[in-house]
Amino acid sequence: MLTRPFPRLRKASVALSLFAVLLVLFVLTLADSAWRVGQIDHATDRVLVRELGLTDLSLFTEARYTRHPSQTDRHTAFQDHPAALEHFPSGSFMTPPHLQPTP
């Protein structure tokens, strides 16, 4: 009886198979997160907000002028001197609020 040697897999075939498995796992992760979003109960979050007295959304935690756009003024970023460079990374992501003309 003749035995045939096991065919050697090419490196590209192994890489493609690994990529396919990882892609399937990634899609399953996305499907699981989409399924869990519908099951979240925000009652505990509302209780925590009421207990701690939280008022606004905190976008960034570094400086007071980057925490929430409604809680800042245009000159806070330059509180050291007018030509001061931005030293918080989040300041480059969020611009100062536009001033509303008062009637």
N, C-alpha and C. Protein backbone atom coordinates (compact mmCIF):
# COMPACT_ATOMS: atom_id res chain seq x y z
N MET A 1 0.84 -1.16 0.00
CA MET A 1 0.00 0.00 0.00
C MET A 1 0.90 1.24 0.00
N LEU A 2 0.59 2.13 -0.91
CA LEU A 2 1.37 3.35 -1.03
C LEU A 2 0.80 4.43 -0.12
N THR A 3 1.66 5.10 0.55
CA THR A 3 1.22 6.22 1.39
C THR A 3 1.62 7.51 0.72
N ARG A 4 0.69 8.37 0.66
CA ARG A 4 0.98 9.68 0.07
C ARG A 4 1.43 10.63 1.17
N PRO A 5 2.41 11.43 0.89
CA PRO A 5 2.83 12.41 1.90
C PRO A 5 1.77 13.50 2.04
N PHE A 6 1.68 13.99 3.24
CA PHE A 6 0.72 15.06 3.53
C PHE A 6 1.12 16.29 2.72
N PRO A 7 0.17 16.86 1.98
CA PRO A 7 0.55 18.02 1.15
C PRO A 7 0.93 19.21 2.03
N ARG A 8 1.96 19.89 1.63
CA ARG A 8 2.42 21.05 2.38
C ARG A 8 1.55 22.25 2.07
N LEU A 9 1.16 22.95 3.12
CA LEU A 9 0.36 24.16 2.94
C LEU A 9 1.29 25.33 2.64
N ARG A 10 0.84 26.16 1.75
CA ARG A 10 1.61 27.35 1.45
C ARG A 10 1.42 28.36 2.58
N LYS A 11 2.38 29.24 2.75
CA LYS A 11 2.29 30.26 3.79
C LYS A 11 1.11 31.19 3.54
N ALA A 12 0.81 31.44 2.28
CA ALA A 12 -0.32 32.30 1.96
C ALA A 12 -1.64 31.65 2.35
N SER A 13 -1.74 30.34 2.21
CA SER A 13 -2.96 29.63 2.60
C SER A 13 -3.15 29.67 4.11
N VAL A 14 -2.07 29.50 4.84
CA VAL A 14 -2.15 29.57 6.31
C VAL A 14 -2.54 30.98 6.74
N ALA A 15 -1.94 31.98 6.14
CA ALA A 15 -2.25 33.36 6.49
C ALA A 15 -3.70 33.70 6.15
N LEU A 16 -4.18 33.25 5.00
CA LEU A 16 -5.56 33.51 4.60
C LEU A 16 -6.54 32.81 5.53
N SER A 17 -6.22 31.59 5.94
CA SER A 17 -7.09 30.87 6.88
C SER A 17 -7.14 31.58 8.23
N LEU A 18 -5.99 32.01 8.71
CA LEU A 18 -5.95 32.73 9.98
C LEU A 18 -6.72 34.04 9.88
N PHE A 19 -6.58 34.75 8.77
CA PHE A 19 -7.31 35.99 8.56
C PHE A 19 -8.82 35.74 8.55
N ALA A 20 -9.25 34.66 7.90
CA ALA A 20 -10.68 34.33 7.84
C ALA A 20 -11.23 34.02 9.23
N VAL A 21 -10.47 33.27 10.03
CA VAL A 21 -10.91 32.95 11.39
C VAL A 21 -11.01 34.23 12.22
N LEU A 22 -10.02 35.09 12.13
CA LEU A 22 -10.04 36.34 12.89
C LEU A 22 -11.17 37.25 12.43
N LEU A 23 -11.46 37.27 11.15
CA LEU A 23 -12.56 38.07 10.63
C LEU A 23 -13.90 37.57 11.16
N VAL A 24 -14.08 36.26 11.21
CA VAL A 24 -15.31 35.69 11.76
C VAL A 24 -15.45 36.04 13.23
N LEU A 25 -14.35 35.95 13.99
CA LEU A 25 -14.40 36.32 15.41
C LEU A 25 -14.72 37.80 15.59
N PHE A 26 -14.19 38.65 14.73
CA PHE A 26 -14.48 40.08 14.81
C PHE A 26 -15.95 40.35 14.52
N VAL A 27 -16.50 39.72 13.51
CA VAL A 27 -17.92 39.90 13.18
C VAL A 27 -18.79 39.40 14.32
N LEU A 28 -18.41 38.29 14.94
CA LEU A 28 -19.17 37.79 16.09
C LEU A 28 -19.10 38.76 17.26
N THR A 29 -17.96 39.41 17.45
CA THR A 29 -17.83 40.41 18.51
C THR A 29 -18.75 41.59 18.25
N LEU A 30 -18.81 42.06 17.01
CA LEU A 30 -19.72 43.16 16.67
C LEU A 30 -21.18 42.77 16.86
N ALA A 31 -21.52 41.55 16.47
CA ALA A 31 -22.90 41.09 16.64
C ALA A 31 -23.26 40.99 18.12
N ASP A 32 -22.32 40.52 18.93
CA ASP A 32 -22.58 40.41 20.37
C ASP A 32 -22.76 41.79 21.00
N SER A 33 -21.94 42.75 20.61
CA SER A 33 -22.09 44.09 21.19
C SER A 33 -23.40 44.74 20.75
N ALA A 34 -23.80 44.52 19.51
CA ALA A 34 -25.09 45.06 19.06
C ALA A 34 -26.25 44.42 19.80
N TRP A 35 -26.13 43.16 20.11
CA TRP A 35 -27.18 42.45 20.85
C TRP A 35 -27.25 42.94 22.29
N ARG A 36 -26.08 43.21 22.91
CA ARG A 36 -26.06 43.64 24.30
C ARG A 36 -26.54 45.08 24.49
N VAL A 37 -26.41 45.92 23.48
CA VAL A 37 -26.84 47.31 23.59
C VAL A 37 -28.32 47.39 23.88
N GLY A 38 -29.09 46.52 23.29
CA GLY A 38 -30.53 46.52 23.52
C GLY A 38 -30.93 46.05 24.90
N GLN A 39 -30.02 45.41 25.62
CA GLN A 39 -30.34 44.86 26.92
C GLN A 39 -29.86 45.71 28.09
N ILE A 40 -29.23 46.83 27.83
CA ILE A 40 -28.68 47.65 28.90
C ILE A 40 -29.80 48.39 29.62
N ASP A 41 -29.76 48.33 30.94
CA ASP A 41 -30.72 49.07 31.75
C ASP A 41 -29.97 50.24 32.39
N HIS A 42 -30.39 51.43 32.08
CA HIS A 42 -29.70 52.63 32.56
C HIS A 42 -30.25 53.13 33.90
N ALA A 43 -31.04 52.33 34.57
CA ALA A 43 -31.60 52.76 35.85
C ALA A 43 -30.50 52.99 36.89
N THR A 44 -29.51 52.11 36.93
CA THR A 44 -28.42 52.29 37.91
C THR A 44 -27.60 53.53 37.59
N ASP A 45 -27.42 53.82 36.30
CA ASP A 45 -26.70 55.04 35.92
C ASP A 45 -27.46 56.29 36.36
N ARG A 46 -28.77 56.28 36.19
CA ARG A 46 -29.57 57.44 36.60
C ARG A 46 -29.51 57.63 38.12
N VAL A 47 -29.51 56.53 38.87
CA VAL A 47 -29.41 56.63 40.33
C VAL A 47 -28.05 57.21 40.71
N LEU A 48 -26.99 56.75 40.05
CA LEU A 48 -25.65 57.26 40.34
C LEU A 48 -25.54 58.75 40.03
N VAL A 49 -26.10 59.19 38.92
CA VAL A 49 -26.07 60.61 38.56
C VAL A 49 -26.83 61.43 39.59
N ARG A 50 -27.97 60.93 40.04
CA ARG A 50 -28.74 61.66 41.04
C ARG A 50 -28.00 61.70 42.38
N GLU A 51 -27.38 60.59 42.79
CA GLU A 51 -26.66 60.54 44.07
C GLU A 51 -25.44 61.47 44.08
N LEU A 52 -24.69 61.48 42.98
CA LEU A 52 -23.48 62.29 42.93
C LEU A 52 -23.73 63.73 42.53
N GLY A 53 -24.92 64.02 42.04
CA GLY A 53 -25.25 65.38 41.63
C GLY A 53 -24.54 65.81 40.37
N LEU A 54 -24.33 64.88 39.45
CA LEU A 54 -23.66 65.21 38.19
C LEU A 54 -24.59 66.05 37.33
N THR A 55 -24.03 67.04 36.65
CA THR A 55 -24.87 67.94 35.87
C THR A 55 -24.68 67.80 34.37
N ASP A 56 -23.45 67.79 33.91
CA ASP A 56 -23.18 67.82 32.48
C ASP A 56 -22.30 66.66 32.06
N LEU A 57 -22.30 66.44 30.77
CA LEU A 57 -21.42 65.46 30.16
C LEU A 57 -19.99 65.93 30.27
N SER A 58 -19.08 65.06 30.64
CA SER A 58 -17.67 65.39 30.70
C SER A 58 -16.98 64.78 29.49
N LEU A 59 -16.63 65.61 28.52
CA LEU A 59 -15.99 65.10 27.30
C LEU A 59 -14.53 64.75 27.53
N PHE A 60 -13.81 65.61 28.22
CA PHE A 60 -12.41 65.39 28.53
C PHE A 60 -12.20 65.70 30.00
N THR A 61 -11.16 65.16 30.59
CA THR A 61 -10.93 65.35 32.02
C THR A 61 -9.72 66.22 32.33
N GLU A 62 -9.08 66.78 31.34
CA GLU A 62 -7.82 67.46 31.59
C GLU A 62 -7.99 68.87 32.14
N ALA A 63 -8.67 69.71 31.44
CA ALA A 63 -8.78 71.11 31.83
C ALA A 63 -10.23 71.52 31.87
N ARG A 64 -10.52 72.55 32.63
CA ARG A 64 -11.92 72.92 32.81
C ARG A 64 -12.55 73.45 31.52
N TYR A 65 -11.75 74.01 30.62
CA TYR A 65 -12.32 74.54 29.39
C TYR A 65 -12.53 73.46 28.33
N THR A 66 -12.08 72.22 28.58
CA THR A 66 -12.34 71.14 27.63
C THR A 66 -13.36 70.14 28.15
N ARG A 67 -13.87 70.34 29.34
CA ARG A 67 -14.81 69.36 29.89
C ARG A 67 -16.16 69.40 29.19
N HIS A 68 -16.71 70.57 29.04
CA HIS A 68 -18.00 70.70 28.36
C HIS A 68 -18.05 72.06 27.68
N PRO A 69 -18.47 72.11 26.43
CA PRO A 69 -18.46 73.39 25.71
C PRO A 69 -19.32 74.47 26.35
N SER A 70 -20.35 74.11 27.07
CA SER A 70 -21.23 75.12 27.66
C SER A 70 -20.64 75.72 28.93
N GLN A 71 -19.59 75.12 29.47
CA GLN A 71 -19.05 75.57 30.75
C GLN A 71 -17.70 76.28 30.60
N THR A 72 -17.47 76.91 29.49
CA THR A 72 -16.17 77.52 29.26
C THR A 72 -16.31 78.91 28.67
N ASP A 73 -15.22 79.63 28.64
CA ASP A 73 -15.19 80.91 27.94
C ASP A 73 -14.02 80.90 26.97
N ARG A 74 -13.91 81.92 26.15
CA ARG A 74 -12.90 81.91 25.09
C ARG A 74 -11.49 82.19 25.60
N HIS A 75 -11.33 82.73 26.76
CA HIS A 75 -10.01 83.14 27.22
C HIS A 75 -9.39 82.17 28.22
N THR A 76 -10.09 81.15 28.61
CA THR A 76 -9.57 80.24 29.62
C THR A 76 -8.35 79.49 29.14
N ALA A 77 -8.31 79.16 27.88
CA ALA A 77 -7.14 78.42 27.36
C ALA A 77 -5.87 79.25 27.43
N PHE A 78 -5.99 80.56 27.44
CA PHE A 78 -4.83 81.44 27.46
C PHE A 78 -4.68 82.12 28.82
N GLN A 79 -4.99 81.40 29.89
CA GLN A 79 -4.98 82.01 31.21
C GLN A 79 -3.56 82.32 31.69
N ASP A 80 -2.55 81.65 31.18
CA ASP A 80 -1.18 81.95 31.59
C ASP A 80 -0.69 83.25 30.95
N HIS A 81 -0.80 83.37 29.65
CA HIS A 81 -0.53 84.61 28.93
C HIS A 81 -1.13 84.48 27.53
N PRO A 82 -1.37 85.59 26.83
CA PRO A 82 -2.10 85.54 25.56
C PRO A 82 -1.46 84.69 24.47
N ALA A 83 -0.14 84.52 24.49
CA ALA A 83 0.53 83.74 23.45
C ALA A 83 0.84 82.32 23.91
N ALA A 84 0.20 81.88 24.98
CA ALA A 84 0.48 80.55 25.52
C ALA A 84 0.04 79.47 24.53
N LEU A 85 0.87 78.46 24.39
CA LEU A 85 0.53 77.33 23.54
C LEU A 85 -0.37 76.36 24.30
N GLU A 86 -1.16 75.63 23.57
CA GLU A 86 -2.05 74.64 24.18
C GLU A 86 -1.21 73.50 24.74
N HIS A 87 -1.32 73.23 26.02
CA HIS A 87 -0.53 72.16 26.61
C HIS A 87 -1.36 70.95 26.99
N PHE A 88 -2.65 70.96 26.72
CA PHE A 88 -3.49 69.79 26.92
C PHE A 88 -3.83 69.21 25.55
N PRO A 89 -3.63 67.91 25.35
CA PRO A 89 -3.94 67.32 24.04
C PRO A 89 -5.40 67.48 23.63
N SER A 90 -6.31 67.45 24.58
CA SER A 90 -7.73 67.54 24.22
C SER A 90 -8.10 68.92 23.71
N GLY A 91 -7.31 69.92 24.00
CA GLY A 91 -7.59 71.26 23.49
C GLY A 91 -7.46 71.36 21.98
N SER A 92 -6.70 70.45 21.38
CA SER A 92 -6.58 70.46 19.92
C SER A 92 -7.76 69.76 19.25
N PHE A 93 -8.54 69.00 20.00
CA PHE A 93 -9.71 68.31 19.44
C PHE A 93 -10.96 69.16 19.51
N MET A 94 -11.01 70.10 20.43
CA MET A 94 -12.23 70.86 20.66
C MET A 94 -11.92 72.35 20.60
N THR A 95 -12.65 73.06 19.78
CA THR A 95 -12.43 74.49 19.66
C THR A 95 -13.22 75.23 20.73
N PRO A 96 -12.84 76.45 21.05
CA PRO A 96 -13.64 77.23 22.00
C PRO A 96 -15.03 77.48 21.44
N PRO A 97 -16.01 77.66 22.29
CA PRO A 97 -17.38 77.88 21.80
C PRO A 97 -17.50 79.23 21.09
N HIS A 98 -18.39 79.28 20.14
CA HIS A 98 -18.65 80.54 19.44
C HIS A 98 -19.50 81.43 20.34
N LEU A 99 -19.12 82.69 20.41
CA LEU A 99 -19.88 83.62 21.24
C LEU A 99 -21.21 83.94 20.59
N GLN A 100 -22.25 83.88 21.36
CA GLN A 100 -23.59 84.22 20.87
C GLN A 100 -23.80 85.71 21.12
N PRO A 101 -24.23 86.45 20.11
CA PRO A 101 -24.50 87.87 20.35
C PRO A 101 -25.68 88.03 21.30
N THR A 102 -25.52 88.90 22.26
CA THR A 102 -26.61 89.13 23.21
C THR A 102 -27.58 90.15 22.63
N PRO A 103 -28.86 89.91 22.78
CA PRO A 103 -29.85 90.85 22.22
C PRO A 103 -29.95 92.13 23.01
